[in-house]
Structure formats: structure tokens, C-alpha cells
Amino acid sequence: MAEHNDLGKKGEEIARRFLITKGHQILALNWRHRNEELDIISALNDLIIFTEVKSRAFLYEDASDLISSKKQKYLLDAADAYLQVHSIEKEARFDLVFVLIEGEKYTIEHFEEAFNARF
């Protein structure tokens, strides 16, 4: 497996554990719709949260810029499909978890409501 794939998988696992400590109930990991993938789908209180995980070995100036408008559209489409397939009628939110991995150390930034969704 390529090094960037290893970094991505490690970041997703760190993000998953992080969200659990914040009270999230994990519903699905790497859920696919067409060519798009939702990294983590969780429930928290009355919300369904779709979390995009970005893992890097170097720091971005503004991690919140890591989800392009095109990527947002794909995530919206996939999230809408997930809600329909599972007959879920809860309010949804899109989060971003940025994981900076430096060897065995890491830092996490959690951006709740990373972008607005309209279903």
C-alpha cells in the first residue's frame, strides 16, 4: 500500500477514536456511493454527522480550506444517498477532522459544521 494511503488510514483511525471520546456513535466507516466515499458517519444526540478526515504529514495554513466546493458537492450527494438508503430523517451536519501526523505524534483539529448542507 502506498505511503499516503497508510497515512490516510492511520488518520481515519485516530479521528474515529477521537470522535468516540466526544460521544459520537459510529454508524459507518468508508461508506461508498458511486465514486465518492464518506469517511466517518456518526450519530450524536439528534444529529447525523458526516465527517471528512484529512491526514497530512505537514501543516496547512488553514485546514478548513481542504474541502473544495466540488468535493462538498460529492459529499452532499453521498450523504443524501446514505440518508435515503437508511430512511433517516434527522438533521445532518458536515464536519472536518484534520490530523497532522509527525512520526508517532499527532495533533487533531475538529471543525464542526465545516460547510453548510442543504437537503
PDB file of N, CA and C in Angstrom:
ATOM      1  N   MET A   1       0.855  -1.180   0.000  1.00  0.00           N
ATOM      2  CA  MET A   1       0.000   0.000   0.000  1.00  0.00           C
ATOM      3  C   MET A   1       0.894   1.233   0.000  1.00  0.00           C
ATOM      4  N   ALA A   2       0.507   2.244  -0.750  1.00  0.00           N
ATOM      5  CA  ALA A   2       1.292   3.472  -0.845  1.00  0.00           C
ATOM      6  C   ALA A   2       1.346   4.176   0.503  1.00  0.00           C
ATOM      7  N   GLU A   3       2.435   4.919   0.718  1.00  0.00           N
ATOM      8  CA  GLU A   3       2.637   5.611   1.990  1.00  0.00           C
ATOM      9  C   GLU A   3       1.506   6.586   2.314  1.00  0.00           C
ATOM     10  N   HIS A   4       0.987   7.307   1.287  1.00  0.00           N
ATOM     11  CA  HIS A   4      -0.097   8.251   1.550  1.00  0.00           C
ATOM     12  C   HIS A   4      -1.375   7.519   1.968  1.00  0.00           C
ATOM     13  N   ASN A   5      -1.588   6.293   1.452  1.00  0.00           N
ATOM     14  CA  ASN A   5      -2.749   5.508   1.879  1.00  0.00           C
ATOM     15  C   ASN A   5      -2.609   5.085   3.337  1.00  0.00           C
ATOM     16  N   ASP A   6      -1.393   4.689   3.732  1.00  0.00           N
ATOM     17  CA  ASP A   6      -1.140   4.334   5.128  1.00  0.00           C
ATOM     18  C   ASP A   6      -1.403   5.523   6.041  1.00  0.00           C
ATOM     19  N   LEU A   7      -0.949   6.690   5.632  1.00  0.00           N
ATOM     20  CA  LEU A   7      -1.159   7.907   6.416  1.00  0.00           C
ATOM     21  C   LEU A   7      -2.647   8.203   6.545  1.00  0.00           C
ATOM     22  N   GLY A   8      -3.374   8.048   5.449  1.00  0.00           N
ATOM     23  CA  GLY A   8      -4.812   8.290   5.461  1.00  0.00           C
ATOM     24  C   GLY A   8      -5.545   7.333   6.384  1.00  0.00           C
ATOM     25  N   LYS A   9      -5.218   6.068   6.331  1.00  0.00           N
ATOM     26  CA  LYS A   9      -5.867   5.068   7.189  1.00  0.00           C
ATOM     27  C   LYS A   9      -5.550   5.329   8.653  1.00  0.00           C
ATOM     28  N   LYS A  10      -4.304   5.686   8.926  1.00  0.00           N
ATOM     29  CA  LYS A  10      -3.915   5.996  10.302  1.00  0.00           C
ATOM     30  C   LYS A  10      -4.686   7.218  10.807  1.00  0.00           C
ATOM     31  N   GLY A  11      -4.812   8.235   9.967  1.00  0.00           N
ATOM     32  CA  GLY A  11      -5.550   9.435  10.336  1.00  0.00           C
ATOM     33  C   GLY A  11      -7.024   9.150  10.583  1.00  0.00           C
ATOM     34  N   GLU A  12      -7.624   8.292   9.750  1.00  0.00           N
ATOM     35  CA  GLU A  12      -9.029   7.939   9.942  1.00  0.00           C
ATOM     36  C   GLU A  12      -9.240   7.197  11.255  1.00  0.00           C
ATOM     37  N   GLU A  13      -8.320   6.328  11.611  1.00  0.00           N
ATOM     38  CA  GLU A  13      -8.436   5.598  12.879  1.00  0.00           C
ATOM     39  C   GLU A  13      -8.286   6.550  14.071  1.00  0.00           C
ATOM     40  N   ILE A  14      -7.355   7.484  13.977  1.00  0.00           N
ATOM     41  CA  ILE A  14      -7.187   8.487  15.040  1.00  0.00           C
ATOM     42  C   ILE A  14      -8.462   9.321  15.157  1.00  0.00           C
ATOM     43  N   ALA A  15      -9.018   9.737  14.028  1.00  0.00           N
ATOM     44  CA  ALA A  15     -10.239  10.542  14.028  1.00  0.00           C
ATOM     45  C   ALA A  15     -11.418   9.758  14.608  1.00  0.00           C
ATOM     46  N   ARG A  16     -11.522   8.485  14.251  1.00  0.00           N
ATOM     47  CA  ARG A  16     -12.612   7.650  14.766  1.00  0.00           C
ATOM     48  C   ARG A  16     -12.555   7.568  16.284  1.00  0.00           C
ATOM     49  N   ARG A  17     -11.379   7.285  16.821  1.00  0.00           N
ATOM     50  CA  ARG A  17     -11.222   7.199  18.284  1.00  0.00           C
ATOM     51  C   ARG A  17     -11.519   8.545  18.943  1.00  0.00           C
ATOM     52  N   PHE A  18     -11.081   9.626  18.313  1.00  0.00           N
ATOM     53  CA  PHE A  18     -11.320  10.970  18.818  1.00  0.00           C
ATOM     54  C   PHE A  18     -12.821  11.256  18.910  1.00  0.00           C
ATOM     55  N   LEU A  19     -13.554  10.933  17.852  1.00  0.00           N
ATOM     56  CA  LEU A  19     -14.996  11.197  17.837  1.00  0.00           C
ATOM     57  C   LEU A  19     -15.722  10.369  18.898  1.00  0.00           C
ATOM     58  N   ILE A  20     -15.290   9.144  19.102  1.00  0.00           N
ATOM     59  CA  ILE A  20     -15.899   8.307  20.143  1.00  0.00           C
ATOM     60  C   ILE A  20     -15.712   8.960  21.510  1.00  0.00           C
ATOM     61  N   THR A  21     -14.542   9.531  21.762  1.00  0.00           N
ATOM     62  CA  THR A  21     -14.319  10.189  23.064  1.00  0.00           C
ATOM     63  C   THR A  21     -15.204  11.422  23.224  1.00  0.00           C
ATOM     64  N   LYS A  22     -15.682  11.977  22.099  1.00  0.00           N
ATOM     65  CA  LYS A  22     -16.584  13.135  22.152  1.00  0.00           C
ATOM     66  C   LYS A  22     -18.055  12.712  22.210  1.00  0.00           C
ATOM     67  N   GLY A  23     -18.311  11.412  22.316  1.00  0.00           N
ATOM     68  CA  GLY A  23     -19.668  10.924  22.466  1.00  0.00           C
ATOM     69  C   GLY A  23     -20.348  10.467  21.191  1.00  0.00           C
ATOM     70  N   HIS A  24     -19.640  10.445  20.077  1.00  0.00           N
ATOM     71  CA  HIS A  24     -20.234  10.010  18.814  1.00  0.00           C
ATOM     72  C   HIS A  24     -20.425   8.492  18.805  1.00  0.00           C
ATOM     73  N   GLN A  25     -21.542   8.066  18.255  1.00  0.00           N
ATOM     74  CA  GLN A  25     -21.778   6.648  17.999  1.00  0.00           C
ATOM     75  C   GLN A  25     -21.453   6.429  16.530  1.00  0.00           C
ATOM     76  N   ILE A  26     -20.453   5.643  16.241  1.00  0.00           N
ATOM     77  CA  ILE A  26     -20.035   5.415  14.863  1.00  0.00           C
ATOM     78  C   ILE A  26     -21.049   4.504  14.166  1.00  0.00           C
ATOM     79  N   LEU A  27     -21.584   4.970  13.040  1.00  0.00           N
ATOM     80  CA  LEU A  27     -22.572   4.205  12.276  1.00  0.00           C
ATOM     81  C   LEU A  27     -21.943   3.507  11.077  1.00  0.00           C
ATOM     82  N   ALA A  28     -20.960   4.154  10.462  1.00  0.00           N
ATOM     83  CA  ALA A  28     -20.327   3.574   9.277  1.00  0.00           C
ATOM     84  C   ALA A  28     -18.962   4.206   9.055  1.00  0.00           C
ATOM     85  N   LEU A  29     -18.077   3.413   8.483  1.00  0.00           N
ATOM     86  CA  LEU A  29     -16.748   3.885   8.093  1.00  0.00           C
ATOM     87  C   LEU A  29     -16.573   3.629   6.599  1.00  0.00           C
ATOM     88  N   ASN A  30     -16.037   4.599   5.895  1.00  0.00           N
ATOM     89  CA  ASN A  30     -15.721   4.476   4.468  1.00  0.00           C
ATOM     90  C   ASN A  30     -16.928   3.995   3.650  1.00  0.00           C
ATOM     91  N   TRP A  31     -18.080   4.632   3.894  1.00  0.00           N
ATOM     92  CA  TRP A  31     -19.307   4.278   3.172  1.00  0.00           C
ATOM     93  C   TRP A  31     -19.231   4.865   1.774  1.00  0.00           C
ATOM     94  N   ARG A  32     -19.500   4.017   0.787  1.00  0.00           N
ATOM     95  CA  ARG A  32     -19.353   4.437  -0.614  1.00  0.00           C
ATOM     96  C   ARG A  32     -20.696   4.612  -1.311  1.00  0.00           C
ATOM     97  N   HIS A  33     -20.737   5.666  -2.117  1.00  0.00           N
ATOM     98  CA  HIS A  33     -21.853   5.922  -3.023  1.00  0.00           C
ATOM     99  C   HIS A  33     -21.240   6.358  -4.350  1.00  0.00           C
ATOM    100  N   ARG A  34     -21.496   5.574  -5.379  1.00  0.00           N
ATOM    101  CA  ARG A  34     -20.867   5.806  -6.681  1.00  0.00           C
ATOM    102  C   ARG A  34     -19.352   5.871  -6.500  1.00  0.00           C
ATOM    103  N   ASN A  35     -18.750   6.992  -6.878  1.00  0.00           N
ATOM    104  CA  ASN A  35     -17.291   7.119  -6.756  1.00  0.00           C
ATOM    105  C   ASN A  35     -16.865   7.912  -5.536  1.00  0.00           C
ATOM    106  N   GLU A  36     -17.800   8.255  -4.673  1.00  0.00           N
ATOM    107  CA  GLU A  36     -17.477   9.073  -3.505  1.00  0.00           C
ATOM    108  C   GLU A  36     -17.538   8.228  -2.237  1.00  0.00           C
ATOM    109  N   GLU A  37     -16.731   8.628  -1.271  1.00  0.00           N
ATOM    110  CA  GLU A  37     -16.666   7.908  -0.005  1.00  0.00           C
ATOM    111  C   GLU A  37     -16.872   8.877   1.151  1.00  0.00           C
ATOM    112  N   LEU A  38     -17.715   8.476   2.082  1.00  0.00           N
ATOM    113  CA  LEU A  38     -17.889   9.218   3.325  1.00  0.00           C
ATOM    114  C   LEU A  38     -16.997   8.548   4.355  1.00  0.00           C
ATOM    115  N   ASP A  39     -16.022   9.285   4.885  1.00  0.00           N
ATOM    116  CA  ASP A  39     -15.028   8.682   5.776  1.00  0.00           C
ATOM    117  C   ASP A  39     -15.650   8.124   7.048  1.00  0.00           C
ATOM    118  N   ILE A  40     -16.371   8.969   7.784  1.00  0.00           N
ATOM    119  CA  ILE A  40     -16.980   8.540   9.039  1.00  0.00           C
ATOM    120  C   ILE A  40     -18.397   9.098   9.122  1.00  0.00           C
ATOM    121  N   ILE A  41     -19.330   8.223   9.434  1.00  0.00           N
ATOM    122  CA  ILE A  41     -20.713   8.640   9.666  1.00  0.00           C
ATOM    123  C   ILE A  41     -21.022   8.285  11.110  1.00  0.00           C
ATOM    124  N   SER A  42     -21.513   9.281  11.848  1.00  0.00           N
ATOM    125  CA  SER A  42     -21.791   9.044  13.260  1.00  0.00           C
ATOM    126  C   SER A  42     -23.085   9.721  13.679  1.00  0.00           C
ATOM    127  N   ALA A  43     -23.554   9.316  14.848  1.00  0.00           N
ATOM    128  CA  ALA A  43     -24.733   9.935  15.448  1.00  0.00           C
ATOM    129  C   ALA A  43     -24.299  10.569  16.761  1.00  0.00           C
ATOM    130  N   LEU A  44     -24.828  11.747  17.011  1.00  0.00           N
ATOM    131  CA  LEU A  44     -24.572  12.454  18.263  1.00  0.00           C
ATOM    132  C   LEU A  44     -25.848  13.199  18.618  1.00  0.00           C
ATOM    133  N   ASN A  45     -26.443  12.802  19.732  1.00  0.00           N
ATOM    134  CA  ASN A  45     -27.741  13.357  20.119  1.00  0.00           C
ATOM    135  C   ASN A  45     -28.725  13.128  18.981  1.00  0.00           C
ATOM    136  N   ASP A  46     -29.320  14.174  18.451  1.00  0.00           N
ATOM    137  CA  ASP A  46     -30.300  14.022  17.366  1.00  0.00           C
ATOM    138  C   ASP A  46     -29.714  14.347  16.000  1.00  0.00           C
ATOM    139  N   LEU A  47     -28.411  14.323  15.883  1.00  0.00           N
ATOM    140  CA  LEU A  47     -27.743  14.657  14.624  1.00  0.00           C
ATOM    141  C   LEU A  47     -27.120  13.433  13.968  1.00  0.00           C
ATOM    142  N   ILE A  48     -27.076  13.459  12.655  1.00  0.00           N
ATOM    143  CA  ILE A  48     -26.231  12.547  11.890  1.00  0.00           C
ATOM    144  C   ILE A  48     -25.068  13.404  11.404  1.00  0.00           C
ATOM    145  N   ILE A  49     -23.860  12.944  11.662  1.00  0.00           N
ATOM    146  CA  ILE A  49     -22.684  13.742  11.314  1.00  0.00           C
ATOM    147  C   ILE A  49     -21.830  12.980  10.300  1.00  0.00           C
ATOM    148  N   PHE A  50     -21.560  13.656   9.202  1.00  0.00           N
ATOM    149  CA  PHE A  50     -20.690  13.122   8.153  1.00  0.00           C
ATOM    150  C   PHE A  50     -19.346  13.821   8.323  1.00  0.00           C
ATOM    151  N   THR A  51     -18.321  13.042   8.629  1.00  0.00           N
ATOM    152  CA  THR A  51     -17.013  13.623   8.909  1.00  0.00           C
ATOM    153  C   THR A  51     -16.014  13.256   7.822  1.00  0.00           C
ATOM    154  N   GLU A  52     -15.447  14.268   7.207  1.00  0.00           N
ATOM    155  CA  GLU A  52     -14.357  14.105   6.253  1.00  0.00           C
ATOM    156  C   GLU A  52     -13.061  14.193   7.040  1.00  0.00           C
ATOM    157  N   VAL A  53     -12.171  13.241   6.814  1.00  0.00           N
ATOM    158  CA  VAL A  53     -10.896  13.212   7.531  1.00  0.00           C
ATOM    159  C   VAL A  53      -9.786  13.548   6.541  1.00  0.00           C
ATOM    160  N   LYS A  54      -8.964  14.506   6.924  1.00  0.00           N
ATOM    161  CA  LYS A  54      -7.790  14.864   6.128  1.00  0.00           C
ATOM    162  C   LYS A  54      -6.559  14.631   6.994  1.00  0.00           C
ATOM    163  N   SER A  55      -5.669  13.798   6.513  1.00  0.00           N
ATOM    164  CA  SER A  55      -4.442  13.465   7.250  1.00  0.00           C
ATOM    165  C   SER A  55      -3.252  13.979   6.457  1.00  0.00           C
ATOM    166  N   ARG A  56      -2.366  14.631   7.139  1.00  0.00           N
ATOM    167  CA  ARG A  56      -1.179  15.177   6.491  1.00  0.00           C
ATOM    168  C   ARG A  56       0.041  14.994   7.379  1.00  0.00           C
ATOM    169  N   ALA A  57       1.195  14.979   6.733  1.00  0.00           N
ATOM    170  CA  ALA A  57       2.460  14.909   7.455  1.00  0.00           C
ATOM    171  C   ALA A  57       3.088  16.296   7.543  1.00  0.00           C
ATOM    172  N   PHE A  58       2.385  17.302   7.028  1.00  0.00           N
ATOM    173  CA  PHE A  58       2.859  18.685   7.090  1.00  0.00           C
ATOM    174  C   PHE A  58       1.655  19.587   7.338  1.00  0.00           C
ATOM    175  N   LEU A  59       1.887  20.748   7.858  1.00  0.00           N
ATOM    176  CA  LEU A  59       0.817  21.649   8.284  1.00  0.00           C
ATOM    177  C   LEU A  59       0.354  22.547   7.149  1.00  0.00           C
ATOM    178  N   TYR A  60      -0.958  22.670   7.012  1.00  0.00           N
ATOM    179  CA  TYR A  60      -1.560  23.649   6.107  1.00  0.00           C
ATOM    180  C   TYR A  60      -1.779  24.926   6.892  1.00  0.00           C
ATOM    181  N   GLU A  61      -1.779  26.050   6.200  1.00  0.00           N
ATOM    182  CA  GLU A  61      -2.047  27.306   6.891  1.00  0.00           C
ATOM    183  C   GLU A  61      -3.478  27.345   7.388  1.00  0.00           C
ATOM    184  N   ASP A  62      -4.422  26.851   6.593  1.00  0.00           N
ATOM    185  CA  ASP A  62      -5.816  26.839   7.007  1.00  0.00           C
ATOM    186  C   ASP A  62      -6.443  25.520   6.597  1.00  0.00           C
ATOM    187  N   ALA A  63      -6.522  24.596   7.529  1.00  0.00           N
ATOM    188  CA  ALA A  63      -7.036  23.261   7.237  1.00  0.00           C
ATOM    189  C   ALA A  63      -8.494  23.293   6.800  1.00  0.00           C
ATOM    190  N   SER A  64      -9.230  24.319   7.186  1.00  0.00           N
ATOM    191  CA  SER A  64     -10.644  24.385   6.805  1.00  0.00           C
ATOM    192  C   SER A  64     -10.826  24.572   5.293  1.00  0.00           C
ATOM    193  N   ASP A  65      -9.767  24.923   4.565  1.00  0.00           N
ATOM    194  CA  ASP A  65      -9.837  25.079   3.113  1.00  0.00           C
ATOM    195  C   ASP A  65      -9.592  23.763   2.371  1.00  0.00           C
ATOM    196  N   LEU A  66      -9.493  22.660   3.087  1.00  0.00           N
ATOM    197  CA  LEU A  66      -9.142  21.386   2.472  1.00  0.00           C
ATOM    198  C   LEU A  66     -10.298  20.700   1.739  1.00  0.00           C
ATOM    199  N   ILE A  67     -11.514  21.192   1.886  1.00  0.00           N
ATOM    200  CA  ILE A  67     -12.650  20.601   1.190  1.00  0.00           C
ATOM    201  C   ILE A  67     -13.129  21.585   0.125  1.00  0.00           C
ATOM    202  N   SER A  68     -12.804  21.287  -1.121  1.00  0.00           N
ATOM    203  CA  SER A  68     -13.180  22.170  -2.226  1.00  0.00           C
ATOM    204  C   SER A  68     -14.699  22.163  -2.414  1.00  0.00           C
ATOM    205  N   SER A  69     -15.197  23.120  -3.158  1.00  0.00           N
ATOM    206  CA  SER A  69     -16.647  23.173  -3.416  1.00  0.00           C
ATOM    207  C   SER A  69     -17.083  21.948  -4.219  1.00  0.00           C
ATOM    208  N   LYS A  70     -16.239  21.462  -5.105  1.00  0.00           N
ATOM    209  CA  LYS A  70     -16.558  20.250  -5.867  1.00  0.00           C
ATOM    210  C   LYS A  70     -16.655  19.047  -4.927  1.00  0.00           C
ATOM    211  N   LYS A  71     -15.703  18.932  -4.013  1.00  0.00           N
ATOM    212  CA  LYS A  71     -15.721  17.841  -3.029  1.00  0.00           C
ATOM    213  C   LYS A  71     -16.957  17.953  -2.141  1.00  0.00           C
ATOM    214  N   GLN A  72     -17.320  19.166  -1.758  1.00  0.00           N
ATOM    215  CA  GLN A  72     -18.523  19.364  -0.946  1.00  0.00           C
ATOM    216  C   GLN A  72     -19.756  18.827  -1.664  1.00  0.00           C
ATOM    217  N   LYS A  73     -19.854  19.078  -2.959  1.00  0.00           N
ATOM    218  CA  LYS A  73     -20.999  18.587  -3.725  1.00  0.00           C
ATOM    219  C   LYS A  73     -21.038  17.066  -3.702  1.00  0.00           C
ATOM    220  N   TYR A  74     -19.895  16.422  -3.907  1.00  0.00           N
ATOM    221  CA  TYR A  74     -19.844  14.959  -3.866  1.00  0.00           C
ATOM    222  C   TYR A  74     -20.247  14.432  -2.488  1.00  0.00           C
ATOM    223  N   LEU A  75     -19.761  15.084  -1.445  1.00  0.00           N
ATOM    224  CA  LEU A  75     -20.114  14.658  -0.091  1.00  0.00           C
ATOM    225  C   LEU A  75     -21.605  14.830   0.172  1.00  0.00           C
ATOM    226  N   LEU A  76     -22.170  15.935  -0.294  1.00  0.00           N
ATOM    227  CA  LEU A  76     -23.612  16.159  -0.153  1.00  0.00           C
ATOM    228  C   LEU A  76     -24.415  15.068  -0.858  1.00  0.00           C
ATOM    229  N   ASP A  77     -24.009  14.727  -2.075  1.00  0.00           N
ATOM    230  CA  ASP A  77     -24.710  13.686  -2.832  1.00  0.00           C
ATOM    231  C   ASP A  77     -24.626  12.343  -2.110  1.00  0.00           C
ATOM    232  N   ALA A  78     -23.447  12.000  -1.641  1.00  0.00           N
ATOM    233  CA  ALA A  78     -23.268  10.723  -0.940  1.00  0.00           C
ATOM    234  C   ALA A  78     -24.044  10.707   0.368  1.00  0.00           C
ATOM    235  N   ALA A  79     -24.022  11.810   1.102  1.00  0.00           N
ATOM    236  CA  ALA A  79     -24.751  11.888   2.368  1.00  0.00           C
ATOM    237  C   ALA A  79     -26.251  11.770   2.138  1.00  0.00           C
ATOM    238  N   ASP A  80     -26.743  12.435   1.101  1.00  0.00           N
ATOM    239  CA  ASP A  80     -28.162  12.337   0.774  1.00  0.00           C
ATOM    240  C   ASP A  80     -28.530  10.886   0.469  1.00  0.00           C
ATOM    241  N   ALA A  81     -27.680  10.194  -0.273  1.00  0.00           N
ATOM    242  CA  ALA A  81     -27.927   8.783  -0.589  1.00  0.00           C
ATOM    243  C   ALA A  81     -27.934   7.941   0.684  1.00  0.00           C
ATOM    244  N   TYR A  82     -26.989   8.194   1.585  1.00  0.00           N
ATOM    245  CA  TYR A  82     -26.943   7.440   2.851  1.00  0.00           C
ATOM    246  C   TYR A  82     -28.237   7.637   3.633  1.00  0.00           C
ATOM    247  N   LEU A  83     -28.684   8.877   3.738  1.00  0.00           N
ATOM    248  CA  LEU A  83     -29.913   9.161   4.485  1.00  0.00           C
ATOM    249  C   LEU A  83     -31.116   8.469   3.852  1.00  0.00           C
ATOM    250  N   GLN A  84     -31.177   8.456   2.540  1.00  0.00           N
ATOM    251  CA  GLN A  84     -32.292   7.810   1.854  1.00  0.00           C
ATOM    252  C   GLN A  84     -32.243   6.287   1.996  1.00  0.00           C
ATOM    253  N   VAL A  85     -31.072   5.706   1.791  1.00  0.00           N
ATOM    254  CA  VAL A  85     -30.919   4.249   1.887  1.00  0.00           C
ATOM    255  C   VAL A  85     -31.313   3.746   3.269  1.00  0.00           C
ATOM    256  N   HIS A  86     -30.972   4.527   4.300  1.00  0.00           N
ATOM    257  CA  HIS A  86     -31.229   4.107   5.676  1.00  0.00           C
ATOM    258  C   HIS A  86     -32.491   4.742   6.276  1.00  0.00           C
ATOM    259  N   SER A  87     -33.266   5.411   5.425  1.00  0.00           N
ATOM    260  CA  SER A  87     -34.529   6.051   5.852  1.00  0.00           C
ATOM    261  C   SER A  87     -34.346   6.894   7.117  1.00  0.00           C
ATOM    262  N   ILE A  88     -33.340   7.731   7.106  1.00  0.00           N
ATOM    263  CA  ILE A  88     -33.023   8.594   8.246  1.00  0.00           C
ATOM    264  C   ILE A  88     -33.564   9.988   7.966  1.00  0.00           C
ATOM    265  N   GLU A  89     -34.297  10.516   8.920  1.00  0.00           N
ATOM    266  CA  GLU A  89     -34.864  11.855   8.774  1.00  0.00           C
ATOM    267  C   GLU A  89     -34.388  12.776   9.890  1.00  0.00           C
ATOM    268  N   LYS A  90     -33.121  12.671  10.238  1.00  0.00           N
ATOM    269  CA  LYS A  90     -32.541  13.539  11.260  1.00  0.00           C
ATOM    270  C   LYS A  90     -31.781  14.681  10.588  1.00  0.00           C
ATOM    271  N   GLU A  91     -31.534  15.710  11.369  1.00  0.00           N
ATOM    272  CA  GLU A  91     -30.719  16.813  10.885  1.00  0.00           C
ATOM    273  C   GLU A  91     -29.291  16.314  10.679  1.00  0.00           C
ATOM    274  N   ALA A  92     -28.652  16.785   9.608  1.00  0.00           N
ATOM    275  CA  ALA A  92     -27.295  16.351   9.279  1.00  0.00           C
ATOM    276  C   ALA A  92     -26.312  17.510   9.395  1.00  0.00           C
ATOM    277  N   ARG A  93     -25.082  17.152   9.683  1.00  0.00           N
ATOM    278  CA  ARG A  93     -24.002  18.140   9.792  1.00  0.00           C
ATOM    279  C   ARG A  93     -22.759  17.556   9.127  1.00  0.00           C
ATOM    280  N   PHE A  94     -21.952  18.437   8.551  1.00  0.00           N
ATOM    281  CA  PHE A  94     -20.693  18.025   7.933  1.00  0.00           C
ATOM    282  C   PHE A  94     -19.529  18.597   8.723  1.00  0.00           C
ATOM    283  N   ASP A  95     -18.681  17.714   9.200  1.00  0.00           N
ATOM    284  CA  ASP A  95     -17.504  18.106   9.968  1.00  0.00           C
ATOM    285  C   ASP A  95     -16.242  17.748   9.200  1.00  0.00           C
ATOM    286  N   LEU A  96     -15.160  18.374   9.592  1.00  0.00           N
ATOM    287  CA  LEU A  96     -13.832  18.046   9.090  1.00  0.00           C
ATOM    288  C   LEU A  96     -12.947  17.769  10.290  1.00  0.00           C
ATOM    289  N   VAL A  97     -12.239  16.649  10.239  1.00  0.00           N
ATOM    290  CA  VAL A  97     -11.203  16.382  11.238  1.00  0.00           C
ATOM    291  C   VAL A  97      -9.881  16.372  10.488  1.00  0.00           C
ATOM    292  N   PHE A  98      -9.014  17.291  10.887  1.00  0.00           N
ATOM    293  CA  PHE A  98      -7.674  17.389  10.301  1.00  0.00           C
ATOM    294  C   PHE A  98      -6.692  16.756  11.270  1.00  0.00           C
ATOM    295  N   VAL A  99      -5.933  15.762  10.787  1.00  0.00           N
ATOM    296  CA  VAL A  99      -4.964  15.063  11.625  1.00  0.00           C
ATOM    297  C   VAL A  99      -3.574  15.320  11.058  1.00  0.00           C
ATOM    298  N   LEU A 100      -2.748  15.965  11.845  1.00  0.00           N
ATOM    299  CA  LEU A 100      -1.352  16.195  11.487  1.00  0.00           C
ATOM    300  C   LEU A 100      -0.535  15.111  12.169  1.00  0.00           C
ATOM    301  N   ILE A 101       0.097  14.258  11.373  1.00  0.00           N
ATOM    302  CA  ILE A 101       0.838  13.119  11.900  1.00  0.00           C
ATOM    303  C   ILE A 101       2.326  13.355  11.673  1.00  0.00           C
ATOM    304  N   GLU A 102       3.064  13.335  12.780  1.00  0.00           N
ATOM    305  CA  GLU A 102       4.516  13.507  12.728  1.00  0.00           C
ATOM    306  C   GLU A 102       5.144  12.346  13.487  1.00  0.00           C
ATOM    307  N   GLY A 103       5.505  11.291  12.750  1.00  0.00           N
ATOM    308  CA  GLY A 103       6.028  10.083  13.378  1.00  0.00           C
ATOM    309  C   GLY A 103       4.941   9.415  14.197  1.00  0.00           C
ATOM    310  N   GLU A 104       5.205   9.230  15.473  1.00  0.00           N
ATOM    311  CA  GLU A 104       4.214   8.611  16.361  1.00  0.00           C
ATOM    312  C   GLU A 104       3.351   9.651  17.070  1.00  0.00           C
ATOM    313  N   LYS A 105       3.626  10.933  16.844  1.00  0.00           N
ATOM    314  CA  LYS A 105       2.853  12.005  17.466  1.00  0.00           C
ATOM    315  C   LYS A 105       1.842  12.546  16.461  1.00  0.00           C
ATOM    316  N   TYR A 106       0.747  13.065  16.983  1.00  0.00           N
ATOM    317  CA  TYR A 106      -0.251  13.659  16.105  1.00  0.00           C
ATOM    318  C   TYR A 106      -1.010  14.750  16.848  1.00  0.00           C
ATOM    319  N   THR A 107      -1.565  15.656  16.067  1.00  0.00           N
ATOM    320  CA  THR A 107      -2.471  16.676  16.600  1.00  0.00           C
ATOM    321  C   THR A 107      -3.753  16.623  15.768  1.00  0.00           C
ATOM    322  N   ILE A 108      -4.846  17.005  16.413  1.00  0.00           N
ATOM    323  CA  ILE A 108      -6.155  16.950  15.774  1.00  0.00           C
ATOM    324  C   ILE A 108      -6.808  18.322  15.840  1.00  0.00           C
ATOM    325  N   GLU A 109      -7.399  18.719  14.721  1.00  0.00           N
ATOM    326  CA  GLU A 109      -8.272  19.890  14.698  1.00  0.00           C
ATOM    327  C   GLU A 109      -9.629  19.407  14.225  1.00  0.00           C
ATOM    328  N   HIS A 110     -10.672  19.750  14.972  1.00  0.00           N
ATOM    329  CA  HIS A 110     -12.031  19.337  14.625  1.00  0.00           C
ATOM    330  C   HIS A 110     -12.826  20.581  14.248  1.00  0.00           C
ATOM    331  N   PHE A 111     -13.272  20.632  13.007  1.00  0.00           N
ATOM    332  CA  PHE A 111     -14.075  21.746  12.515  1.00  0.00           C
ATOM    333  C   PHE A 111     -15.520  21.271  12.399  1.00  0.00           C
ATOM    334  N   GLU A 112     -16.336  21.629  13.395  1.00  0.00           N
ATOM    335  CA  GLU A 112     -17.753  21.297  13.331  1.00  0.00           C
ATOM    336  C   GLU A 112     -18.407  22.222  12.316  1.00  0.00           C
ATOM    337  N   GLU A 113     -19.369  21.681  11.582  1.00  0.00           N
ATOM    338  CA  GLU A 113     -20.035  22.431  10.529  1.00  0.00           C
ATOM    339  C   GLU A 113     -19.012  23.057   9.575  1.00  0.00           C
ATOM    340  N   ALA A 114     -18.150  22.211   9.042  1.00  0.00           N
ATOM    341  CA  ALA A 114     -17.091  22.661   8.137  1.00  0.00           C
ATOM    342  C   ALA A 114     -17.660  23.353   6.901  1.00  0.00           C
ATOM    343  N   PHE A 115     -18.843  22.938   6.499  1.00  0.00           N
ATOM    344  CA  PHE A 115     -19.565  23.644   5.450  1.00  0.00           C
ATOM    345  C   PHE A 115     -21.049  23.400   5.657  1.00  0.00           C
ATOM    346  N   ASN A 116     -21.859  24.293   5.105  1.00  0.00           N
ATOM    347  CA  ASN A 116     -23.314  24.194   5.279  1.00  0.00           C
ATOM    348  C   ASN A 116     -23.905  23.227   4.277  1.00  0.00           C
ATOM    349  N   ALA A 117     -24.859  22.455   4.752  1.00  0.00           N
ATOM    350  CA  ALA A 117     -25.531  21.483   3.902  1.00  0.00           C
ATOM    351  C   ALA A 117     -26.997  21.822   3.802  1.00  0.00           C
ATOM    352  N   ARG A 118     -27.534  21.672   2.633  1.00  0.00           N
ATOM    353  CA  ARG A 118     -28.961  21.869   2.420  1.00  0.00           C
ATOM    354  C   ARG A 118     -29.520  20.628   1.741  1.00  0.00           C
ATOM    355  N   PHE A 119     -30.380  19.908   2.435  1.00  0.00           N
ATOM    356  CA  PHE A 119     -31.001  18.709   1.848  1.00  0.00           C
ATOM    357  C   PHE A 119     -32.406  19.034   1.422  1.00  0.00           C
TER     358      PHE A 119
END
